[in-house]
């Protein structure tokens, strides 16, 4: 996702702006994935906009929709399905 042509152009300094830290952006994506993985009641998560500067990323607005209709999974099942993790 971050390596597509459009994203590369935006992240490497679009319209004379400094390049965005890919490490910081990857960290945000990883943290969001962790959040969704550990809280199955999250039905939707929207961050818009995520303002990215050279060394800082700021979520200006975020919305999370929860659902009461979720199934608790065994937290170890994912680790069993991906032992290289």
N, C-alpha and C. Protein backbone atom coordinates (compact mmCIF):
# COMPACT_ATOMS: atom_id res chain seq x y z
N UNK A 1 0.82 -1.18 0.00
CA UNK A 1 0.00 0.00 0.00
C UNK A 1 0.87 1.26 0.00
N UNK A 2 1.88 1.29 0.85
CA UNK A 2 2.73 2.48 0.92
C UNK A 2 3.72 2.57 -0.25
N UNK A 3 3.90 1.47 -0.97
CA UNK A 3 4.86 1.46 -2.06
C UNK A 3 4.26 1.72 -3.43
N UNK A 4 2.97 2.04 -3.51
CA UNK A 4 2.37 2.31 -4.81
C UNK A 4 2.94 3.59 -5.40
N UNK A 5 2.79 3.76 -6.68
CA UNK A 5 3.34 4.93 -7.37
C UNK A 5 2.76 6.23 -6.81
N UNK A 6 1.47 6.25 -6.58
CA UNK A 6 0.83 7.46 -6.05
C UNK A 6 1.33 7.78 -4.65
N UNK A 7 1.38 6.77 -3.79
CA UNK A 7 1.85 7.01 -2.42
C UNK A 7 3.32 7.42 -2.40
N UNK A 8 4.12 6.80 -3.23
CA UNK A 8 5.54 7.15 -3.29
C UNK A 8 5.71 8.62 -3.66
N UNK A 9 4.97 9.05 -4.66
CA UNK A 9 5.03 10.46 -5.09
C UNK A 9 4.61 11.39 -3.97
N UNK A 10 3.55 11.04 -3.22
CA UNK A 10 3.07 11.89 -2.13
C UNK A 10 4.02 11.90 -0.94
N UNK A 11 4.65 10.76 -0.67
CA UNK A 11 5.48 10.64 0.53
C UNK A 11 6.91 11.16 0.35
N UNK A 12 7.35 11.30 -0.90
CA UNK A 12 8.74 11.71 -1.12
C UNK A 12 8.91 13.21 -1.34
N UNK A 13 7.89 13.97 -1.05
CA UNK A 13 8.03 15.42 -1.16
C UNK A 13 7.12 15.98 -2.23
N UNK A 14 5.86 16.04 -1.97
CA UNK A 14 4.85 16.50 -2.91
C UNK A 14 4.71 18.02 -2.82
N UNK A 15 4.69 18.68 -3.97
CA UNK A 15 4.51 20.14 -4.06
C UNK A 15 5.50 20.90 -3.17
N UNK A 16 6.76 20.53 -3.29
CA UNK A 16 7.86 21.19 -2.57
C UNK A 16 7.79 21.03 -1.05
N UNK A 17 7.03 20.06 -0.56
CA UNK A 17 7.00 19.77 0.87
C UNK A 17 8.06 18.73 1.18
N UNK A 18 8.57 18.71 2.41
CA UNK A 18 9.58 17.70 2.75
C UNK A 18 8.98 16.29 2.74
N UNK A 19 9.83 15.31 2.56
CA UNK A 19 9.39 13.92 2.53
C UNK A 19 8.86 13.51 3.91
N UNK A 20 7.90 12.61 3.89
CA UNK A 20 7.32 12.08 5.12
C UNK A 20 8.14 10.89 5.59
N UNK A 21 8.30 10.78 6.88
CA UNK A 21 9.03 9.64 7.44
C UNK A 21 8.23 8.37 7.22
N UNK A 22 8.75 7.48 6.38
CA UNK A 22 8.07 6.21 6.13
C UNK A 22 8.04 5.34 7.38
N UNK A 23 9.07 5.46 8.20
CA UNK A 23 9.10 4.69 9.45
C UNK A 23 7.97 5.14 10.37
N UNK A 24 7.76 6.44 10.47
CA UNK A 24 6.68 6.95 11.32
C UNK A 24 5.32 6.54 10.78
N UNK A 25 5.15 6.59 9.47
CA UNK A 25 3.89 6.19 8.86
C UNK A 25 3.64 4.69 9.03
N UNK A 26 4.68 3.89 8.86
CA UNK A 26 4.55 2.45 9.07
C UNK A 26 4.20 2.16 10.53
N UNK A 27 4.75 2.94 11.45
CA UNK A 27 4.45 2.77 12.86
C UNK A 27 2.97 3.04 13.14
N UNK A 28 2.42 4.09 12.54
CA UNK A 28 1.00 4.41 12.72
C UNK A 28 0.13 3.28 12.17
N UNK A 29 0.45 2.79 10.99
CA UNK A 29 -0.33 1.71 10.38
C UNK A 29 -0.25 0.45 11.25
N UNK A 30 0.93 0.15 11.78
CA UNK A 30 1.11 -1.01 12.65
C UNK A 30 0.30 -0.87 13.93
N UNK A 31 0.30 0.32 14.51
CA UNK A 31 -0.45 0.54 15.75
C UNK A 31 -1.96 0.43 15.52
N UNK A 32 -2.43 0.93 14.39
CA UNK A 32 -3.85 0.82 14.07
C UNK A 32 -4.22 -0.66 13.86
N UNK A 33 -3.37 -1.39 13.17
CA UNK A 33 -3.62 -2.82 12.96
C UNK A 33 -3.66 -3.56 14.30
N UNK A 34 -2.76 -3.21 15.21
CA UNK A 34 -2.74 -3.84 16.52
C UNK A 34 -4.04 -3.55 17.26
N UNK A 35 -4.49 -2.30 17.21
CA UNK A 35 -5.71 -1.89 17.89
C UNK A 35 -6.91 -2.69 17.38
N UNK A 36 -7.04 -2.78 16.08
CA UNK A 36 -8.17 -3.50 15.48
C UNK A 36 -8.07 -4.99 15.77
N UNK A 37 -6.87 -5.52 15.78
CA UNK A 37 -6.66 -6.94 16.05
C UNK A 37 -7.01 -7.31 17.49
N UNK A 38 -6.74 -6.42 18.42
CA UNK A 38 -6.95 -6.72 19.84
C UNK A 38 -8.31 -6.31 20.38
N UNK A 39 -9.06 -5.56 19.62
CA UNK A 39 -10.39 -5.14 20.04
C UNK A 39 -11.40 -5.48 18.95
N UNK A 40 -11.92 -6.71 18.97
CA UNK A 40 -12.82 -7.16 17.90
C UNK A 40 -14.13 -6.39 17.84
N UNK A 41 -14.45 -5.62 18.87
CA UNK A 41 -15.67 -4.83 18.84
C UNK A 41 -15.55 -3.60 17.94
N UNK A 42 -14.37 -3.32 17.43
CA UNK A 42 -14.21 -2.21 16.49
C UNK A 42 -14.75 -2.65 15.13
N UNK A 43 -15.82 -2.00 14.71
CA UNK A 43 -16.43 -2.31 13.42
C UNK A 43 -15.86 -1.44 12.31
N UNK A 44 -15.57 -0.19 12.64
CA UNK A 44 -15.00 0.75 11.66
C UNK A 44 -14.05 1.69 12.37
N UNK A 45 -13.01 2.10 11.66
CA UNK A 45 -12.07 3.08 12.18
C UNK A 45 -11.71 4.01 11.04
N UNK A 46 -11.89 5.29 11.26
CA UNK A 46 -11.63 6.28 10.22
C UNK A 46 -10.76 7.39 10.79
N UNK A 47 -9.63 7.64 10.16
CA UNK A 47 -8.76 8.77 10.52
C UNK A 47 -8.68 9.66 9.28
N UNK A 48 -9.20 10.87 9.42
CA UNK A 48 -9.22 11.77 8.28
C UNK A 48 -9.32 13.21 8.77
N UNK A 49 -8.30 13.99 8.55
CA UNK A 49 -7.05 13.65 7.88
C UNK A 49 -5.97 13.19 8.86
N UNK A 50 -5.00 12.52 8.31
CA UNK A 50 -3.76 12.22 9.01
C UNK A 50 -2.72 13.16 8.42
N UNK A 51 -2.38 14.19 9.16
CA UNK A 51 -1.46 15.21 8.66
C UNK A 51 -0.03 14.72 8.90
N UNK A 52 0.72 14.64 7.81
CA UNK A 52 2.09 14.11 7.86
C UNK A 52 3.08 15.21 7.54
N UNK A 53 4.04 15.38 8.42
CA UNK A 53 5.14 16.29 8.14
C UNK A 53 6.42 15.47 8.12
N UNK A 54 7.52 16.14 8.06
CA UNK A 54 8.80 15.46 7.92
C UNK A 54 9.06 14.47 9.07
N UNK A 55 8.67 14.85 10.28
CA UNK A 55 8.97 13.99 11.43
C UNK A 55 7.80 13.78 12.38
N UNK A 56 6.61 14.21 11.98
CA UNK A 56 5.46 14.11 12.87
C UNK A 56 4.21 13.76 12.09
N UNK A 57 3.39 12.89 12.66
CA UNK A 57 2.10 12.54 12.07
C UNK A 57 1.04 12.85 13.11
N UNK A 58 -0.02 13.54 12.70
CA UNK A 58 -1.07 13.94 13.63
C UNK A 58 -2.42 13.54 13.05
N UNK A 59 -3.17 12.77 13.83
CA UNK A 59 -4.55 12.45 13.46
C UNK A 59 -5.42 13.62 13.91
N UNK A 60 -5.90 14.38 12.96
CA UNK A 60 -6.70 15.57 13.28
C UNK A 60 -8.09 15.15 13.73
N UNK A 61 -8.65 14.14 13.11
CA UNK A 61 -9.98 13.67 13.46
C UNK A 61 -10.00 12.16 13.32
N UNK A 62 -10.58 11.49 14.29
CA UNK A 62 -10.69 10.03 14.23
C UNK A 62 -12.05 9.62 14.74
N UNK A 63 -12.63 8.63 14.08
CA UNK A 63 -13.93 8.09 14.49
C UNK A 63 -13.80 6.58 14.56
N UNK A 64 -14.32 6.03 15.64
CA UNK A 64 -14.33 4.58 15.80
C UNK A 64 -15.77 4.17 16.08
N UNK A 65 -16.28 3.24 15.27
CA UNK A 65 -17.62 2.72 15.49
C UNK A 65 -17.48 1.34 16.10
N UNK A 66 -18.12 1.16 17.24
CA UNK A 66 -18.08 -0.13 17.93
C UNK A 66 -19.36 -0.89 17.65
N UNK A 67 -19.28 -2.19 17.75
CA UNK A 67 -20.45 -3.02 17.61
C UNK A 67 -20.57 -3.92 18.83
N UNK A 68 -21.80 -4.13 19.25
CA UNK A 68 -22.03 -5.04 20.37
C UNK A 68 -22.11 -6.47 19.86
N UNK A 69 -22.22 -6.63 18.56
CA UNK A 69 -22.37 -7.95 17.96
C UNK A 69 -21.02 -8.42 17.41
N UNK A 70 -20.16 -8.89 18.29
CA UNK A 70 -18.86 -9.39 17.87
C UNK A 70 -18.60 -10.71 18.57
N UNK A 71 -17.71 -11.46 18.01
CA UNK A 71 -17.36 -12.76 18.56
C UNK A 71 -15.97 -12.68 19.15
N UNK A 72 -15.84 -13.04 20.41
CA UNK A 72 -14.51 -13.09 21.02
C UNK A 72 -13.78 -14.29 20.44
N UNK A 73 -12.56 -14.07 19.97
CA UNK A 73 -11.76 -15.17 19.47
C UNK A 73 -10.68 -15.49 20.48
N UNK A 74 -10.18 -16.65 20.32
CA UNK A 74 -9.05 -17.06 21.15
C UNK A 74 -7.85 -16.21 20.72
N UNK A 75 -7.25 -15.43 21.63
CA UNK A 75 -6.14 -14.55 21.23
C UNK A 75 -4.92 -15.30 20.71
N UNK A 76 -4.81 -16.58 21.02
CA UNK A 76 -3.66 -17.35 20.55
C UNK A 76 -3.89 -17.96 19.16
N UNK A 77 -5.12 -17.93 18.67
CA UNK A 77 -5.41 -18.57 17.39
C UNK A 77 -4.63 -17.93 16.24
N UNK A 78 -4.45 -16.63 16.28
CA UNK A 78 -3.69 -15.97 15.21
C UNK A 78 -2.23 -16.39 15.26
N UNK A 79 -1.68 -16.50 16.44
CA UNK A 79 -0.28 -16.92 16.56
C UNK A 79 -0.11 -18.36 16.06
N UNK A 80 -1.10 -19.20 16.32
CA UNK A 80 -1.01 -20.59 15.85
C UNK A 80 -1.09 -20.68 14.34
N UNK A 81 -1.87 -19.78 13.73
CA UNK A 81 -2.01 -19.83 12.27
C UNK A 81 -0.81 -19.21 11.56
N UNK A 82 0.00 -18.43 12.29
CA UNK A 82 1.18 -17.80 11.70
C UNK A 82 2.36 -17.98 12.67
N UNK A 83 2.95 -19.18 12.72
CA UNK A 83 3.99 -19.47 13.70
C UNK A 83 5.27 -18.66 13.51
N UNK A 84 5.48 -18.08 12.35
CA UNK A 84 6.69 -17.30 12.11
C UNK A 84 6.62 -15.91 12.71
N UNK A 85 5.54 -15.58 13.29
CA UNK A 85 5.32 -14.25 13.86
C UNK A 85 6.03 -14.01 15.13
